[in-house]
Amino acid sequence: MEAATGVLARSGFDRATVDEIVREAGFSKGAFYVHFDTKEDLLWAMLEERISRQQEAFRQAVEHTQPLANNVRMILSGVFKLLRDDPLWGSLYAEFAAHASRNEKVRQRLAAMYDRWRELIVEILSASRDAGRTRKDIDLRFAATLLIATVEGSIMQSHLAPETVRLEEMLEPLTRTLSEWLATD
């Protein structure tokens, strides 16, 4: 999958070929088709694996007895670390989102993935609310949608304007802003 990440991030989903992916991976085309029916199936497998791993890490790491800012910082750090550790991931994800905008079936699957993210964030915020750490007057689904948009917008800007938008410099101000909005007084 590492070879596929590089090929897809460099060439784009539509231009990348299975031949190119298997050549870079050092596998045969037959080996590819044993595991995946299409290039799109490979991309979904990559996306699902990363997202499942990240969501489970968040579930394990969030501690509702801690101040809300600690959990917000931990989640933002985890997302930003994923991008720092695998710089091609952001480009690959942007490529996949662009592909989804041109393909209704892919768009629907990506929308379902966003629903899972939103539900995870609602679950985390709800538990935080139950622990008395998150305001009761906030619509949690709206808050989850806004949080996803804020993080993804920050990531997109960091890719498009890396000279001026640096995720590591945004961590504390973003943590503070989101925590102040969400936290009880």
Protein backbone atom coordinates (compact mmCIF):
# COMPACT_ATOMS: atom_id res chain seq x y z
CA MET A 1 0.00 0.00 0.00
CA GLU A 2 2.97 2.32 0.51
CA ALA A 3 3.84 2.07 -3.17
CA ALA A 4 0.26 2.83 -4.11
CA THR A 5 0.26 5.89 -1.86
CA GLY A 6 3.28 7.29 -3.68
CA VAL A 7 1.97 6.52 -7.16
CA LEU A 8 -1.54 7.83 -6.50
CA ALA A 9 -0.30 10.98 -4.77
CA ARG A 10 2.15 11.74 -7.60
CA SER A 11 0.10 10.74 -10.63
CA GLY A 12 -3.43 11.28 -9.38
CA PHE A 13 -6.14 8.65 -9.24
CA ASP A 14 -7.22 8.90 -12.87
CA ARG A 15 -3.70 8.83 -14.36
CA ALA A 16 -2.19 6.21 -12.06
CA THR A 17 -2.26 2.69 -13.45
CA VAL A 18 -2.28 -0.69 -11.78
CA ASP A 19 0.87 -1.48 -13.79
CA GLU A 20 2.62 1.52 -12.29
CA ILE A 21 1.50 0.61 -8.76
CA VAL A 22 2.63 -3.03 -8.97
CA ARG A 23 5.91 -2.09 -10.64
CA GLU A 24 6.73 0.29 -7.79
CA ALA A 25 5.59 -2.25 -5.18
CA GLY A 26 7.60 -5.05 -6.78
CA PHE A 27 4.55 -7.31 -7.18
CA SER A 28 2.86 -8.89 -10.15
CA LYS A 29 -0.38 -7.64 -11.58
CA GLY A 30 -1.90 -11.00 -10.64
CA ALA A 31 -0.94 -10.44 -6.99
CA PHE A 32 -2.74 -7.08 -7.11
CA TYR A 33 -5.93 -8.65 -8.45
CA VAL A 34 -5.88 -11.39 -5.80
CA HIS A 35 -6.45 -8.63 -3.22
CA PHE A 36 -8.33 -5.94 -5.15
CA ASP A 37 -10.81 -5.95 -8.00
CA THR A 38 -10.03 -2.38 -9.05
CA LYS A 39 -7.73 0.53 -8.35
CA GLU A 40 -10.68 2.15 -6.54
CA ASP A 41 -10.92 -0.88 -4.22
CA LEU A 42 -7.25 -0.38 -3.32
CA LEU A 43 -7.88 3.27 -2.52
CA TRP A 44 -10.86 2.36 -0.31
CA ALA A 45 -8.80 -0.24 1.52
CA MET A 46 -6.09 2.35 2.16
CA LEU A 47 -8.60 4.93 3.34
CA GLU A 48 -10.53 2.51 5.56
CA GLU A 49 -7.36 1.17 7.19
CA ARG A 50 -6.05 4.62 8.07
CA ILE A 51 -9.37 5.96 9.28
CA SER A 52 -10.16 2.89 11.37
CA ARG A 53 -6.72 3.05 12.98
CA GLN A 54 -7.07 6.78 13.69
CA GLN A 55 -10.59 6.49 15.10
CA GLU A 56 -9.60 3.66 17.41
CA ALA A 57 -6.59 5.64 18.62
CA PHE A 58 -8.89 8.59 19.43
CA ARG A 59 -11.36 6.37 21.29
CA GLN A 60 -8.54 4.93 23.38
CA ALA A 61 -6.81 8.25 24.06
CA VAL A 62 -9.72 10.53 24.96
CA GLU A 63 -10.06 10.84 28.71
CA HIS A 64 -13.19 12.66 29.84
CA THR A 65 -11.84 13.29 33.33
CA GLN A 66 -9.24 15.59 31.73
CA PRO A 67 -9.95 19.20 30.72
CA LEU A 68 -11.60 19.46 27.31
CA ALA A 69 -8.57 21.33 25.92
CA ASN A 70 -6.36 18.28 26.61
CA ASN A 71 -8.62 16.05 24.51
CA VAL A 72 -8.94 18.61 21.72
CA ARG A 73 -5.14 19.00 21.64
CA MET A 74 -4.66 15.22 21.63
CA ILE A 75 -7.03 14.74 18.69
CA LEU A 76 -5.57 17.62 16.67
CA SER A 77 -2.05 16.39 17.42
CA GLY A 78 -3.00 12.91 16.24
CA VAL A 79 -4.38 14.15 12.94
CA PHE A 80 -1.46 16.51 12.35
CA LYS A 81 1.03 13.77 13.28
CA LEU A 82 -0.51 11.43 10.71
CA LEU A 83 0.17 14.05 8.04
CA ARG A 84 3.66 14.79 9.34
CA ASP A 85 4.58 11.08 9.45
CA ASP A 86 3.14 10.43 5.99
CA PRO A 87 3.34 13.66 3.98
CA LEU A 88 1.81 12.03 0.90
CA TRP A 89 -1.38 11.19 2.78
CA GLY A 90 -2.83 14.71 2.51
CA SER A 91 -2.25 14.78 -1.25
CA LEU A 92 -3.71 11.32 -1.63
CA TYR A 93 -6.80 12.24 0.36
CA ALA A 94 -7.29 15.42 -1.69
CA GLU A 95 -7.00 13.32 -4.85
CA PHE A 96 -9.61 10.91 -3.55
CA ALA A 97 -11.97 13.75 -2.63
CA ALA A 98 -11.57 15.16 -6.14
CA HIS A 99 -12.34 11.71 -7.58
CA ALA A 100 -15.46 11.55 -5.37
CA SER A 101 -16.67 14.86 -6.78
CA ARG A 102 -16.71 13.24 -10.25
CA ASN A 103 -18.12 9.85 -9.25
CA GLU A 104 -21.48 9.56 -7.45
CA LYS A 105 -20.81 6.07 -6.06
CA VAL A 106 -17.50 7.20 -4.58
CA ARG A 107 -19.10 10.40 -3.26
CA GLN A 108 -21.74 8.36 -1.43
CA ARG A 109 -19.12 6.10 0.16
CA LEU A 110 -17.05 9.10 1.18
CA ALA A 111 -20.17 10.73 2.64
CA ALA A 112 -20.74 7.56 4.68
CA MET A 113 -17.15 7.78 5.92
CA TYR A 114 -17.77 11.37 7.01
CA ASP A 115 -20.90 10.19 8.82
CA ARG A 116 -18.75 7.71 10.78
CA TRP A 117 -16.31 10.51 11.69
CA ARG A 118 -19.19 12.76 12.70
CA GLU A 119 -20.69 10.00 14.88
CA LEU A 120 -17.35 9.40 16.59
CA ILE A 121 -16.99 13.10 17.38
CA VAL A 122 -20.59 13.27 18.61
CA GLU A 123 -19.88 10.24 20.82
CA ILE A 124 -16.75 11.93 22.25
CA LEU A 125 -18.52 15.27 22.78
CA SER A 126 -21.55 13.57 24.32
CA ALA A 127 -19.38 11.72 26.84
CA SER A 128 -17.60 15.00 27.54
CA ARG A 129 -20.96 16.71 28.05
CA ASP A 130 -22.02 13.92 30.44
CA ALA A 131 -18.80 14.53 32.38
CA GLY A 132 -19.71 18.21 32.65
CA ARG A 133 -16.92 19.39 30.34
CA THR A 134 -18.87 20.37 27.18
CA ARG A 135 -21.62 22.98 26.98
CA LYS A 136 -25.18 21.70 26.93
CA ASP A 137 -26.47 24.37 24.53
CA ILE A 138 -24.41 23.21 21.53
CA ASP A 139 -25.87 20.97 18.81
CA LEU A 140 -23.33 18.16 18.84
CA ARG A 141 -23.86 17.11 15.20
CA PHE A 142 -23.32 20.68 14.08
CA ALA A 143 -20.24 20.94 16.31
CA ALA A 144 -18.85 17.71 14.85
CA THR A 145 -19.40 18.95 11.30
CA LEU A 146 -17.73 22.26 12.13
CA LEU A 147 -14.78 20.50 13.77
CA ILE A 148 -14.24 18.28 10.73
CA ALA A 149 -14.45 21.28 8.40
CA THR A 150 -12.03 23.29 10.54
CA VAL A 151 -9.44 20.52 10.63
CA GLU A 152 -9.76 19.68 6.94
CA GLY A 153 -9.64 23.34 5.97
CA SER A 154 -6.49 23.80 8.03
CA ILE A 155 -4.92 20.77 6.38
CA MET A 156 -5.86 21.96 2.89
CA GLN A 157 -4.43 25.41 3.56
CA SER A 158 -1.22 23.89 4.93
CA HIS A 159 -0.79 21.99 1.65
CA LEU A 160 -1.62 24.93 -0.59
CA ALA A 161 0.23 27.62 1.38
CA PRO A 162 2.87 25.79 3.45
CA GLU A 163 4.97 28.95 3.76
CA THR A 164 2.26 30.69 5.79
CA VAL A 165 0.01 27.96 7.21
CA ARG A 166 1.90 25.51 9.41
CA LEU A 167 -0.11 22.92 11.31
CA GLU A 168 2.37 22.71 14.18
CA GLU A 169 1.98 26.47 14.72
CA MET A 170 -1.82 26.18 14.56
CA LEU A 171 -2.09 23.48 17.22
CA GLU A 172 -2.28 25.68 20.33
CA PRO A 173 -4.38 28.53 18.89
CA LEU A 174 -6.78 26.03 17.33
CA THR A 175 -6.96 24.03 20.57
CA ARG A 176 -7.68 27.20 22.53
CA THR A 177 -10.33 28.48 20.09
CA LEU A 178 -12.20 25.17 19.85
CA SER A 179 -11.97 24.49 23.58
CA GLU A 180 -13.24 27.93 24.52
CA TRP A 181 -16.20 27.46 22.21
CA LEU A 182 -17.07 23.96 23.44
CA ALA A 183 -16.15 24.01 27.13
CA THR A 184 -18.42 24.84 30.02
CA ASP A 185 -17.50 28.02 31.88
